[in-house]
Amino acid sequence: RQAVRDRDWNGLLALGGNIYYTSKLAAN
C-alpha cells in the first residue's frame, strides 16, 4: 500500500508487482 502511495515503481516490483500491471497505475 505504501509503495502504491509513494509511486515507488521499483518497490512495487520487489513486492510482487508485475510490470505490465503496475504500468496501469503509471498510465493513470
mmCIF file of all heavy atoms, coordinates in Angstrom:
data_MODEL
# 
_entry.id   MODEL 
# 
loop_
_atom_site.group_PDB 
_atom_site.id 
_atom_site.type_symbol 
_atom_site.label_atom_id 
_atom_site.label_alt_id 
_atom_site.label_comp_id 
_atom_site.label_asym_id 
_atom_site.label_entity_id 
_atom_site.label_seq_id 
_atom_site.pdbx_PDB_ins_code 
_atom_site.Cartn_x 
_atom_site.Cartn_y 
_atom_site.Cartn_z 
_atom_site.occupancy 
_atom_site.B_iso_or_equiv 
_atom_site.pdbx_formal_charge 
_atom_site.auth_seq_id 
_atom_site.auth_comp_id 
_atom_site.auth_asym_id 
_atom_site.auth_atom_id 
_atom_site.pdbx_PDB_model_num 
ATOM 1   N N   . ARG A 1 1  ? 0.838  -1.216  0.000   1.00 0.00 ? 1  ARG A N   1 
ATOM 2   C CA  . ARG A 1 1  ? 0.000  0.000   0.000   1.00 0.00 ? 1  ARG A CA  1 
ATOM 3   C C   . ARG A 1 1  ? 0.865  1.256   0.000   1.00 0.00 ? 1  ARG A C   1 
ATOM 4   O O   . ARG A 1 1  ? 0.583  2.209   -0.710  1.00 0.00 ? 1  ARG A O   1 
ATOM 5   C CB  . ARG A 1 1  ? -0.941 0.017   1.194   1.00 0.00 ? 1  ARG A CB  1 
ATOM 6   C CG  . ARG A 1 1  ? -2.110 -0.930  1.066   1.00 0.00 ? 1  ARG A CG  1 
ATOM 7   C CD  . ARG A 1 1  ? -2.982 -0.868  2.296   1.00 0.00 ? 1  ARG A CD  1 
ATOM 8   N NE  . ARG A 1 1  ? -3.675 0.407   2.391   1.00 0.00 ? 1  ARG A NE  1 
ATOM 9   C CZ  . ARG A 1 1  ? -4.997 0.551   2.352   1.00 0.00 ? 1  ARG A CZ  1 
ATOM 10  N NH1 . ARG A 1 1  ? -5.776 -0.501  2.222   1.00 0.00 ? 1  ARG A NH1 1 
ATOM 11  N NH2 . ARG A 1 1  ? -5.541 1.734   2.469   1.00 0.00 ? 1  ARG A NH2 1 
ATOM 12  N N   . GLN A 1 2  ? 1.923  1.234   0.805   1.00 0.00 ? 2  GLN A N   1 
ATOM 13  C CA  . GLN A 1 2  ? 2.804  2.406   0.871   1.00 0.00 ? 2  GLN A CA  1 
ATOM 14  C C   . GLN A 1 2  ? 3.528  2.608   -0.455  1.00 0.00 ? 2  GLN A C   1 
ATOM 15  O O   . GLN A 1 2  ? 3.695  3.744   -0.910  1.00 0.00 ? 2  GLN A O   1 
ATOM 16  C CB  . GLN A 1 2  ? 3.819  2.277   2.010   1.00 0.00 ? 2  GLN A CB  1 
ATOM 17  C CG  . GLN A 1 2  ? 4.559  3.562   2.296   1.00 0.00 ? 2  GLN A CG  1 
ATOM 18  C CD  . GLN A 1 2  ? 3.613  4.697   2.690   1.00 0.00 ? 2  GLN A CD  1 
ATOM 19  O OE1 . GLN A 1 2  ? 2.776  4.551   3.582   1.00 0.00 ? 2  GLN A OE1 1 
ATOM 20  N NE2 . GLN A 1 2  ? 3.746  5.840   2.026   1.00 0.00 ? 2  GLN A NE2 1 
ATOM 21  N N   . ALA A 1 3  ? 3.940  1.532   -1.100  1.00 0.00 ? 3  ALA A N   1 
ATOM 22  C CA  . ALA A 1 3  ? 4.605  1.643   -2.405  1.00 0.00 ? 3  ALA A CA  1 
ATOM 23  C C   . ALA A 1 3  ? 3.651  2.238   -3.437  1.00 0.00 ? 3  ALA A C   1 
ATOM 24  O O   . ALA A 1 3  ? 4.069  3.032   -4.291  1.00 0.00 ? 3  ALA A O   1 
ATOM 25  C CB  . ALA A 1 3  ? 5.127  0.283   -2.858  1.00 0.00 ? 3  ALA A CB  1 
ATOM 26  N N   . VAL A 1 4  ? 2.366  1.879   -3.355  1.00 0.00 ? 4  VAL A N   1 
ATOM 27  C CA  . VAL A 1 4  ? 1.372  2.486   -4.254  1.00 0.00 ? 4  VAL A CA  1 
ATOM 28  C C   . VAL A 1 4  ? 1.274  3.976   -3.956  1.00 0.00 ? 4  VAL A C   1 
ATOM 29  O O   . VAL A 1 4  ? 1.342  4.807   -4.866  1.00 0.00 ? 4  VAL A O   1 
ATOM 30  C CB  . VAL A 1 4  ? -0.018 1.808   -4.109  1.00 0.00 ? 4  VAL A CB  1 
ATOM 31  C CG1 . VAL A 1 4  ? -1.092 2.613   -4.837  1.00 0.00 ? 4  VAL A CG1 1 
ATOM 32  C CG2 . VAL A 1 4  ? 0.023  0.382   -4.616  1.00 0.00 ? 4  VAL A CG2 1 
ATOM 33  N N   . ARG A 1 5  ? 1.122  4.331   -2.689  1.00 0.00 ? 5  ARG A N   1 
ATOM 34  C CA  . ARG A 1 5  ? 1.003  5.747   -2.309  1.00 0.00 ? 5  ARG A CA  1 
ATOM 35  C C   . ARG A 1 5  ? 2.213  6.552   -2.781  1.00 0.00 ? 5  ARG A C   1 
ATOM 36  O O   . ARG A 1 5  ? 2.076  7.676   -3.256  1.00 0.00 ? 5  ARG A O   1 
ATOM 37  C CB  . ARG A 1 5  ? 0.895  5.884   -0.792  1.00 0.00 ? 5  ARG A CB  1 
ATOM 38  C CG  . ARG A 1 5  ? -0.416 5.505   -0.214  1.00 0.00 ? 5  ARG A CG  1 
ATOM 39  C CD  . ARG A 1 5  ? -0.429 5.837   1.295   1.00 0.00 ? 5  ARG A CD  1 
ATOM 40  N NE  . ARG A 1 5  ? -1.334 4.960   1.957   1.00 0.00 ? 5  ARG A NE  1 
ATOM 41  C CZ  . ARG A 1 5  ? -0.990 3.904   2.710   1.00 0.00 ? 5  ARG A CZ  1 
ATOM 42  N NH1 . ARG A 1 5  ? 0.275  3.600   2.912   1.00 0.00 ? 5  ARG A NH1 1 
ATOM 43  N NH2 . ARG A 1 5  ? -1.914 3.150   3.265   1.00 0.00 ? 5  ARG A NH2 1 
ATOM 44  N N   . ASP A 1 6  ? 3.408  5.960   -2.614  1.00 0.00 ? 6  ASP A N   1 
ATOM 45  C CA  . ASP A 1 6  ? 4.658  6.650   -2.952  1.00 0.00 ? 6  ASP A CA  1 
ATOM 46  C C   . ASP A 1 6  ? 4.987  6.595   -4.435  1.00 0.00 ? 6  ASP A C   1 
ATOM 47  O O   . ASP A 1 6  ? 5.943  7.248   -4.863  1.00 0.00 ? 6  ASP A O   1 
ATOM 48  C CB  . ASP A 1 6  ? 5.829  6.030   -2.184  1.00 0.00 ? 6  ASP A CB  1 
ATOM 49  C CG  . ASP A 1 6  ? 5.738  6.231   -0.690  1.00 0.00 ? 6  ASP A CG  1 
ATOM 50  O OD1 . ASP A 1 6  ? 4.965  7.109   -0.227  1.00 0.00 ? 6  ASP A OD1 1 
ATOM 51  O OD2 . ASP A 1 6  ? 6.443  5.491   0.037   1.00 0.00 ? 6  ASP A OD2 1 
ATOM 52  N N   . ARG A 1 7  ? 4.230  5.762   -5.173  1.00 0.00 ? 7  ARG A N   1 
ATOM 53  C CA  . ARG A 1 7  ? 4.536  5.509   -6.584  1.00 0.00 ? 7  ARG A CA  1 
ATOM 54  C C   . ARG A 1 7  ? 5.997  5.062   -6.686  1.00 0.00 ? 7  ARG A C   1 
ATOM 55  O O   . ARG A 1 7  ? 6.773  5.510   -7.507  1.00 0.00 ? 7  ARG A O   1 
ATOM 56  C CB  . ARG A 1 7  ? 4.283  6.722   -7.472  1.00 0.00 ? 7  ARG A CB  1 
ATOM 57  C CG  . ARG A 1 7  ? 2.862  7.279   -7.437  1.00 0.00 ? 7  ARG A CG  1 
ATOM 58  C CD  . ARG A 1 7  ? 1.771  6.226   -7.655  1.00 0.00 ? 7  ARG A CD  1 
ATOM 59  N NE  . ARG A 1 7  ? 0.504  6.821   -8.023  1.00 0.00 ? 7  ARG A NE  1 
ATOM 60  C CZ  . ARG A 1 7  ? -0.496 7.076   -7.167  1.00 0.00 ? 7  ARG A CZ  1 
ATOM 61  N NH1 . ARG A 1 7  ? -0.380 6.779   -5.882  1.00 0.00 ? 7  ARG A NH1 1 
ATOM 62  N NH2 . ARG A 1 7  ? -1.622 7.614   -7.601  1.00 0.00 ? 7  ARG A NH2 1 
ATOM 63  N N   . ASP A 1 8  ? 6.336  4.137   -5.797  1.00 0.00 ? 8  ASP A N   1 
ATOM 64  C CA  . ASP A 1 8  ? 7.672  3.536   -5.753  1.00 0.00 ? 8  ASP A CA  1 
ATOM 65  C C   . ASP A 1 8  ? 7.692  2.398   -6.772  1.00 0.00 ? 8  ASP A C   1 
ATOM 66  O O   . ASP A 1 8  ? 7.407  1.246   -6.447  1.00 0.00 ? 8  ASP A O   1 
ATOM 67  C CB  . ASP A 1 8  ? 7.964  3.022   -4.339  1.00 0.00 ? 8  ASP A CB  1 
ATOM 68  C CG  . ASP A 1 8  ? 9.315  2.352   -4.215  1.00 0.00 ? 8  ASP A CG  1 
ATOM 69  O OD1 . ASP A 1 8  ? 10.049 2.259   -5.217  1.00 0.00 ? 8  ASP A OD1 1 
ATOM 70  O OD2 . ASP A 1 8  ? 9.620  1.892   -3.092  1.00 0.00 ? 8  ASP A OD2 1 
ATOM 71  N N   . TRP A 1 9  ? 8.001  2.731   -8.012  1.00 0.00 ? 9  TRP A N   1 
ATOM 72  C CA  . TRP A 1 9  ? 7.863  1.788   -9.124  1.00 0.00 ? 9  TRP A CA  1 
ATOM 73  C C   . TRP A 1 9  ? 8.711  0.549   -8.939  1.00 0.00 ? 9  TRP A C   1 
ATOM 74  O O   . TRP A 1 9  ? 8.235  -0.575  -9.127  1.00 0.00 ? 9  TRP A O   1 
ATOM 75  C CB  . TRP A 1 9  ? 8.161  2.498   -10.444 1.00 0.00 ? 9  TRP A CB  1 
ATOM 76  C CG  . TRP A 1 9  ? 7.357  3.740   -10.604 1.00 0.00 ? 9  TRP A CG  1 
ATOM 77  C CD1 . TRP A 1 9  ? 7.827  5.022   -10.604 1.00 0.00 ? 9  TRP A CD1 1 
ATOM 78  C CD2 . TRP A 1 9  ? 5.927  3.838   -10.722 1.00 0.00 ? 9  TRP A CD2 1 
ATOM 79  N NE1 . TRP A 1 9  ? 6.780  5.908   -10.734 1.00 0.00 ? 9  TRP A NE1 1 
ATOM 80  C CE2 . TRP A 1 9  ? 5.599  5.209   -10.811 1.00 0.00 ? 9  TRP A CE2 1 
ATOM 81  C CE3 . TRP A 1 9  ? 4.899  2.902   -10.775 1.00 0.00 ? 9  TRP A CE3 1 
ATOM 82  C CZ2 . TRP A 1 9  ? 4.299  5.664   -10.952 1.00 0.00 ? 9  TRP A CZ2 1 
ATOM 83  C CZ3 . TRP A 1 9  ? 3.592  3.356   -10.909 1.00 0.00 ? 9  TRP A CZ3 1 
ATOM 84  C CH2 . TRP A 1 9  ? 3.300  4.717   -10.992 1.00 0.00 ? 9  TRP A CH2 1 
ATOM 85  N N   . ASN A 1 10 ? 9.966  0.708   -8.559  1.00 0.00 ? 10 ASN A N   1 
ATOM 86  C CA  . ASN A 1 10 ? 10.819 -0.466  -8.329  1.00 0.00 ? 10 ASN A CA  1 
ATOM 87  C C   . ASN A 1 10 ? 10.384 -1.228  -7.082  1.00 0.00 ? 10 ASN A C   1 
ATOM 88  O O   . ASN A 1 10 ? 10.439 -2.457  -7.044  1.00 0.00 ? 10 ASN A O   1 
ATOM 89  C CB  . ASN A 1 10 ? 12.287 -0.059  -8.236  1.00 0.00 ? 10 ASN A CB  1 
ATOM 90  C CG  . ASN A 1 10 ? 12.837 0.383   -9.572  1.00 0.00 ? 10 ASN A CG  1 
ATOM 91  O OD1 . ASN A 1 10 ? 12.535 -0.202  -10.608 1.00 0.00 ? 10 ASN A OD1 1 
ATOM 92  N ND2 . ASN A 1 10 ? 13.631 1.439   -9.564  1.00 0.00 ? 10 ASN A ND2 1 
ATOM 93  N N   . GLY A 1 11 ? 9.942  -0.499  -6.076  1.00 0.00 ? 11 GLY A N   1 
ATOM 94  C CA  . GLY A 1 11 ? 9.440  -1.143  -4.863  1.00 0.00 ? 11 GLY A CA  1 
ATOM 95  C C   . GLY A 1 11 ? 8.223  -2.008  -5.142  1.00 0.00 ? 11 GLY A C   1 
ATOM 96  O O   . GLY A 1 11 ? 8.071  -3.090  -4.575  1.00 0.00 ? 11 GLY A O   1 
ATOM 97  N N   . LEU A 1 12 ? 7.349  -1.543  -6.028  1.00 0.00 ? 12 LEU A N   1 
ATOM 98  C CA  . LEU A 1 12 ? 6.171  -2.334  -6.399  1.00 0.00 ? 12 LEU A CA  1 
ATOM 99  C C   . LEU A 1 12 ? 6.587  -3.675  -6.994  1.00 0.00 ? 12 LEU A C   1 
ATOM 100 O O   . LEU A 1 12 ? 6.004  -4.714  -6.679  1.00 0.00 ? 12 LEU A O   1 
ATOM 101 C CB  . LEU A 1 12 ? 5.286  -1.562  -7.381  1.00 0.00 ? 12 LEU A CB  1 
ATOM 102 C CG  . LEU A 1 12 ? 4.537  -0.372  -6.794  1.00 0.00 ? 12 LEU A CG  1 
ATOM 103 C CD1 . LEU A 1 12 ? 3.958  0.493   -7.891  1.00 0.00 ? 12 LEU A CD1 1 
ATOM 104 C CD2 . LEU A 1 12 ? 3.456  -0.840  -5.827  1.00 0.00 ? 12 LEU A CD2 1 
ATOM 105 N N   . LEU A 1 13 ? 7.615  -3.667  -7.840  1.00 0.00 ? 13 LEU A N   1 
ATOM 106 C CA  . LEU A 1 13 ? 8.089  -4.928  -8.432  1.00 0.00 ? 13 LEU A CA  1 
ATOM 107 C C   . LEU A 1 13 ? 8.711  -5.826  -7.369  1.00 0.00 ? 13 LEU A C   1 
ATOM 108 O O   . LEU A 1 13 ? 8.489  -7.033  -7.365  1.00 0.00 ? 13 LEU A O   1 
ATOM 109 C CB  . LEU A 1 13 ? 9.093  -4.652  -9.551  1.00 0.00 ? 13 LEU A CB  1 
ATOM 110 C CG  . LEU A 1 13 ? 8.603  -3.839  -10.733 1.00 0.00 ? 13 LEU A CG  1 
ATOM 111 C CD1 . LEU A 1 13 ? 9.660  -3.814  -11.824 1.00 0.00 ? 13 LEU A CD1 1 
ATOM 112 C CD2 . LEU A 1 13 ? 7.283  -4.347  -11.268 1.00 0.00 ? 13 LEU A CD2 1 
ATOM 113 N N   . ALA A 1 14 ? 9.492  -5.242  -6.467  1.00 0.00 ? 14 ALA A N   1 
ATOM 114 C CA  . ALA A 1 14 ? 10.126 -6.027  -5.408  1.00 0.00 ? 14 ALA A CA  1 
ATOM 115 C C   . ALA A 1 14 ? 9.089  -6.658  -4.481  1.00 0.00 ? 14 ALA A C   1 
ATOM 116 O O   . ALA A 1 14 ? 9.351  -7.701  -3.868  1.00 0.00 ? 14 ALA A O   1 
ATOM 117 C CB  . ALA A 1 14 ? 11.086 -5.144  -4.604  1.00 0.00 ? 14 ALA A CB  1 
ATOM 118 N N   . LEU A 1 15 ? 7.908  -6.056  -4.401  1.00 0.00 ? 15 LEU A N   1 
ATOM 119 C CA  . LEU A 1 15 ? 6.844  -6.548  -3.527  1.00 0.00 ? 15 LEU A CA  1 
ATOM 120 C C   . LEU A 1 15 ? 5.837  -7.434  -4.265  1.00 0.00 ? 15 LEU A C   1 
ATOM 121 O O   . LEU A 1 15 ? 4.745  -7.681  -3.774  1.00 0.00 ? 15 LEU A O   1 
ATOM 122 C CB  . LEU A 1 15 ? 6.123  -5.365  -2.875  1.00 0.00 ? 15 LEU A CB  1 
ATOM 123 C CG  . LEU A 1 15 ? 6.982  -4.549  -1.906  1.00 0.00 ? 15 LEU A CG  1 
ATOM 124 C CD1 . LEU A 1 15 ? 6.303  -3.232  -1.565  1.00 0.00 ? 15 LEU A CD1 1 
ATOM 125 C CD2 . LEU A 1 15 ? 7.275  -5.365  -0.651  1.00 0.00 ? 15 LEU A CD2 1 
ATOM 126 N N   . GLY A 1 16 ? 6.230  -7.902  -5.444  1.00 0.00 ? 16 GLY A N   1 
ATOM 127 C CA  . GLY A 1 16 ? 5.384  -8.852  -6.165  1.00 0.00 ? 16 GLY A CA  1 
ATOM 128 C C   . GLY A 1 16 ? 4.600  -8.276  -7.322  1.00 0.00 ? 16 GLY A C   1 
ATOM 129 O O   . GLY A 1 16 ? 3.813  -8.984  -7.951  1.00 0.00 ? 16 GLY A O   1 
ATOM 130 N N   . GLY A 1 17 ? 4.796  -7.017  -7.617  1.00 0.00 ? 17 GLY A N   1 
ATOM 131 C CA  . GLY A 1 17 ? 4.084  -6.408  -8.731  1.00 0.00 ? 17 GLY A CA  1 
ATOM 132 C C   . GLY A 1 17 ? 4.618  -6.890  -10.072 1.00 0.00 ? 17 GLY A C   1 
ATOM 133 O O   . GLY A 1 17 ? 5.810  -7.129  -10.230 1.00 0.00 ? 17 GLY A O   1 
ATOM 134 N N   . ASN A 1 18 ? 3.723  -7.030  -11.014 1.00 0.00 ? 18 ASN A N   1 
ATOM 135 C CA  . ASN A 1 18 ? 4.080  -7.365  -12.388 1.00 0.00 ? 18 ASN A CA  1 
ATOM 136 C C   . ASN A 1 18 ? 4.171  -6.054  -13.160 1.00 0.00 ? 18 ASN A C   1 
ATOM 137 O O   . ASN A 1 18 ? 3.267  -5.222  -13.084 1.00 0.00 ? 18 ASN A O   1 
ATOM 138 C CB  . ASN A 1 18 ? 3.000  -8.278  -12.985 1.00 0.00 ? 18 ASN A CB  1 
ATOM 139 C CG  . ASN A 1 18 ? 3.256  -8.632  -14.423 1.00 0.00 ? 18 ASN A CG  1 
ATOM 140 O OD1 . ASN A 1 18 ? 3.283  -7.769  -15.292 1.00 0.00 ? 18 ASN A OD1 1 
ATOM 141 N ND2 . ASN A 1 18 ? 3.425  -9.912  -14.675 1.00 0.00 ? 18 ASN A ND2 1 
ATOM 142 N N   . ILE A 1 19 ? 5.235  -5.864  -13.911 1.00 0.00 ? 19 ILE A N   1 
ATOM 143 C CA  . ILE A 1 19 ? 5.458  -4.588  -14.593 1.00 0.00 ? 19 ILE A CA  1 
ATOM 144 C C   . ILE A 1 19 ? 4.288  -4.215  -15.495 1.00 0.00 ? 19 ILE A C   1 
ATOM 145 O O   . ILE A 1 19 ? 3.923  -3.049  -15.602 1.00 0.00 ? 19 ILE A O   1 
ATOM 146 C CB  . ILE A 1 19 ? 6.798  -4.581  -15.366 1.00 0.00 ? 19 ILE A CB  1 
ATOM 147 C CG1 . ILE A 1 19 ? 7.079  -3.196  -15.980 1.00 0.00 ? 19 ILE A CG1 1 
ATOM 148 C CG2 . ILE A 1 19 ? 6.803  -5.649  -16.464 1.00 0.00 ? 19 ILE A CG2 1 
ATOM 149 C CD1 . ILE A 1 19 ? 7.221  -2.087  -15.000 1.00 0.00 ? 19 ILE A CD1 1 
ATOM 150 N N   . TYR A 1 20 ? 3.685  -5.185  -16.142 1.00 0.00 ? 20 TYR A N   1 
ATOM 151 C CA  . TYR A 1 20 ? 2.581  -4.870  -17.043 1.00 0.00 ? 20 TYR A CA  1 
ATOM 152 C C   . TYR A 1 20 ? 1.335  -4.429  -16.284 1.00 0.00 ? 20 TYR A C   1 
ATOM 153 O O   . TYR A 1 20 ? 0.536  -3.649  -16.806 1.00 0.00 ? 20 TYR A O   1 
ATOM 154 C CB  . TYR A 1 20 ? 2.294  -6.046  -17.970 1.00 0.00 ? 20 TYR A CB  1 
ATOM 155 C CG  . TYR A 1 20 ? 3.488  -6.328  -18.833 1.00 0.00 ? 20 TYR A CG  1 
ATOM 156 C CD1 . TYR A 1 20 ? 4.301  -7.426  -18.607 1.00 0.00 ? 20 TYR A CD1 1 
ATOM 157 C CD2 . TYR A 1 20 ? 3.858  -5.443  -19.846 1.00 0.00 ? 20 TYR A CD2 1 
ATOM 158 C CE1 . TYR A 1 20 ? 5.428  -7.653  -19.381 1.00 0.00 ? 20 TYR A CE1 1 
ATOM 159 C CE2 . TYR A 1 20 ? 4.979  -5.658  -20.626 1.00 0.00 ? 20 TYR A CE2 1 
ATOM 160 C CZ  . TYR A 1 20 ? 5.763  -6.764  -20.389 1.00 0.00 ? 20 TYR A CZ  1 
ATOM 161 O OH  . TYR A 1 20 ? 6.882  -6.975  -21.142 1.00 0.00 ? 20 TYR A OH  1 
ATOM 162 N N   . TYR A 1 21 ? 1.174  -4.904  -15.068 1.00 0.00 ? 21 TYR A N   1 
ATOM 163 C CA  . TYR A 1 21 ? 0.047  -4.469  -14.249 1.00 0.00 ? 21 TYR A CA  1 
ATOM 164 C C   . TYR A 1 21 ? 0.356  -3.133  -13.573 1.00 0.00 ? 21 TYR A C   1 
ATOM 165 O O   . TYR A 1 21 ? -0.482 -2.233  -13.551 1.00 0.00 ? 21 TYR A O   1 
ATOM 166 C CB  . TYR A 1 21 ? -0.314 -5.508  -13.203 1.00 0.00 ? 21 TYR A CB  1 
ATOM 167 C CG  . TYR A 1 21 ? -0.899 -6.790  -13.756 1.00 0.00 ? 21 TYR A CG  1 
ATOM 168 C CD1 . TYR A 1 21 ? -1.176 -7.859  -12.920 1.00 0.00 ? 21 TYR A CD1 1 
ATOM 169 C CD2 . TYR A 1 21 ? -1.178 -6.947  -15.107 1.00 0.00 ? 21 TYR A CD2 1 
ATOM 170 C CE1 . TYR A 1 21 ? -1.726 -9.036  -13.410 1.00 0.00 ? 21 TYR A CE1 1 
ATOM 171 C CE2 . TYR A 1 21 ? -1.718 -8.122  -15.604 1.00 0.00 ? 21 TYR A CE2 1 
ATOM 172 C CZ  . TYR A 1 21 ? -1.989 -9.155  -14.754 1.00 0.00 ? 21 TYR A CZ  1 
ATOM 173 O OH  . TYR A 1 21 ? -2.523 -10.320 -15.245 1.00 0.00 ? 21 TYR A OH  1 
ATOM 174 N N   . THR A 1 22 ? 1.572  -3.010  -13.012 1.00 0.00 ? 22 THR A N   1 
ATOM 175 C CA  . THR A 1 22 ? 1.904  -1.764  -12.330 1.00 0.00 ? 22 THR A CA  1 
ATOM 176 C C   . THR A 1 22 ? 1.955  -0.591  -13.306 1.00 0.00 ? 22 THR A C   1 
ATOM 177 O O   . THR A 1 22 ? 1.733  0.552   -12.911 1.00 0.00 ? 22 THR A O   1 
ATOM 178 C CB  . THR A 1 22 ? 3.230  -1.873  -11.550 1.00 0.00 ? 22 THR A CB  1 
ATOM 179 O OG1 . THR A 1 22 ? 4.275  -2.251  -12.436 1.00 0.00 ? 22 THR A OG1 1 
ATOM 180 C CG2 . THR A 1 22 ? 3.122  -2.877  -10.418 1.00 0.00 ? 22 THR A CG2 1 
ATOM 181 N N   . SER A 1 23 ? 2.195  -0.889  -14.580 1.00 0.00 ? 23 SER A N   1 
ATOM 182 C CA  . SER A 1 23 ? 2.192  0.195   -15.575 1.00 0.00 ? 23 SER A CA  1 
ATOM 183 C C   . SER A 1 23 ? 0.801  0.804   -15.724 1.00 0.00 ? 23 SER A C   1 
ATOM 184 O O   . SER A 1 23 ? 0.674  1.942   -16.191 1.00 0.00 ? 23 SER A O   1 
ATOM 185 C CB  . SER A 1 23 ? 2.715  -0.302  -16.922 1.00 0.00 ? 23 SER A CB  1 
ATOM 186 O OG  . SER A 1 23 ? 1.817  -1.204  -17.527 1.00 0.00 ? 23 SER A OG  1 
ATOM 187 N N   . LYS A 1 24 ? -0.251 0.093   -15.316 1.00 0.00 ? 24 LYS A N   1 
ATOM 188 C CA  . LYS A 1 24 ? -1.607 0.667   -15.330 1.00 0.00 ? 24 LYS A CA  1 
ATOM 189 C C   . LYS A 1 24 ? -1.704 1.815   -14.331 1.00 0.00 ? 24 LYS A C   1 
ATOM 190 O O   . LYS A 1 24 ? -2.378 2.812   -14.582 1.00 0.00 ? 24 LYS A O   1 
ATOM 191 C CB  . LYS A 1 24 ? -2.666 -0.388  -14.995 1.00 0.00 ? 24 LYS A CB  1 
ATOM 192 C CG  . LYS A 1 24 ? -2.702 -1.581  -15.912 1.00 0.00 ? 24 LYS A CG  1 
ATOM 193 C CD  . LYS A 1 24 ? -3.119 -1.217  -17.296 1.00 0.00 ? 24 LYS A CD  1 
ATOM 194 C CE  . LYS A 1 24 ? -3.252 -2.461  -18.149 1.00 0.00 ? 24 LYS A CE  1 
ATOM 195 N NZ  . LYS A 1 24 ? -3.088 -2.185  -19.563 1.00 0.00 ? 24 LYS A NZ  1 
ATOM 196 N N   . LEU A 1 25 ? -1.038 1.664   -13.190 1.00 0.00 ? 25 LEU A N   1 
ATOM 197 C CA  . LEU A 1 25 ? -1.002 2.744   -12.203 1.00 0.00 ? 25 LEU A CA  1 
ATOM 198 C C   . LEU A 1 25 ? -0.228 3.933   -12.775 1.00 0.00 ? 25 LEU A C   1 
ATOM 199 O O   . LEU A 1 25 ? -0.657 5.082   -12.643 1.00 0.00 ? 25 LEU A O   1 
ATOM 200 C CB  . LEU A 1 25 ? -0.368 2.262   -10.892 1.00 0.00 ? 25 LEU A CB  1 
ATOM 201 C CG  . LEU A 1 25 ? -0.173 3.295   -9.790  1.00 0.00 ? 25 LEU A CG  1 
ATOM 202 C CD1 . LEU A 1 25 ? -1.490 3.922   -9.365  1.00 0.00 ? 25 LEU A CD1 1 
ATOM 203 C CD2 . LEU A 1 25 ? 0.542  2.649   -8.601  1.00 0.00 ? 25 LEU A CD2 1 
ATOM 204 N N   . ALA A 1 26 ? 0.889  3.655   -13.426 1.00 0.00 ? 26 ALA A N   1 
ATOM 205 C CA  . ALA A 1 26 ? 1.665  4.728   -14.041 1.00 0.00 ? 26 ALA A CA  1 
ATOM 206 C C   . ALA A 1 26 ? 0.837  5.442   -15.112 1.00 0.00 ? 26 ALA A C   1 
ATOM 207 O O   . ALA A 1 26 ? 0.822  6.675   -15.176 1.00 0.00 ? 26 ALA A O   1 
ATOM 208 C CB  . ALA A 1 26 ? 2.956  4.174   -14.644 1.00 0.00 ? 26 ALA A CB  1 
ATOM 209 N N   . ALA A 1 27 ? 0.152  4.672   -15.946 1.00 0.00 ? 27 ALA A N   1 
ATOM 210 C CA  . ALA A 1 27 ? -0.676 5.265   -17.001 1.00 0.00 ? 27 ALA A CA  1 
ATOM 211 C C   . ALA A 1 27 ? -1.761 6.150   -16.396 1.00 0.00 ? 27 ALA A C   1 
ATOM 212 O O   . ALA A 1 27 ? -2.077 7.215   -16.932 1.00 0.00 ? 27 ALA A O   1 
ATOM 213 C CB  . ALA A 1 27 ? -1.283 4.180   -17.876 1.00 0.00 ? 27 ALA A CB  1 
ATOM 214 N N   . ASN A 1 28 ? -2.321 5.722   -15.275 1.00 0.00 ? 28 ASN A N   1 
ATOM 215 C CA  . ASN A 1 28 ? -3.318 6.537   -14.578 1.00 0.00 ? 28 ASN A CA  1 
ATOM 216 C C   . ASN A 1 28 ? -2.727 7.892   -14.198 1.00 0.00 ? 28 ASN A C   1 
ATOM 217 O O   . ASN A 1 28 ? -3.431 8.897   -14.185 1.00 0.00 ? 28 ASN A O   1 
ATOM 218 C CB  . ASN A 1 28 ? -3.822 5.810   -13.331 1.00 0.00 ? 28 ASN A CB  1 
ATOM 219 C CG  . ASN A 1 28 ? -4.845 6.613   -12.585 1.00 0.00 ? 28 ASN A CG  1 
ATOM 220 O OD1 . ASN A 1 28 ? -5.947 6.846   -13.065 1.00 0.00 ? 28 ASN A OD1 1 
ATOM 221 N ND2 . ASN A 1 28 ? -4.490 7.068   -11.385 1.00 0.00 ? 28 ASN A ND2 1 
# 
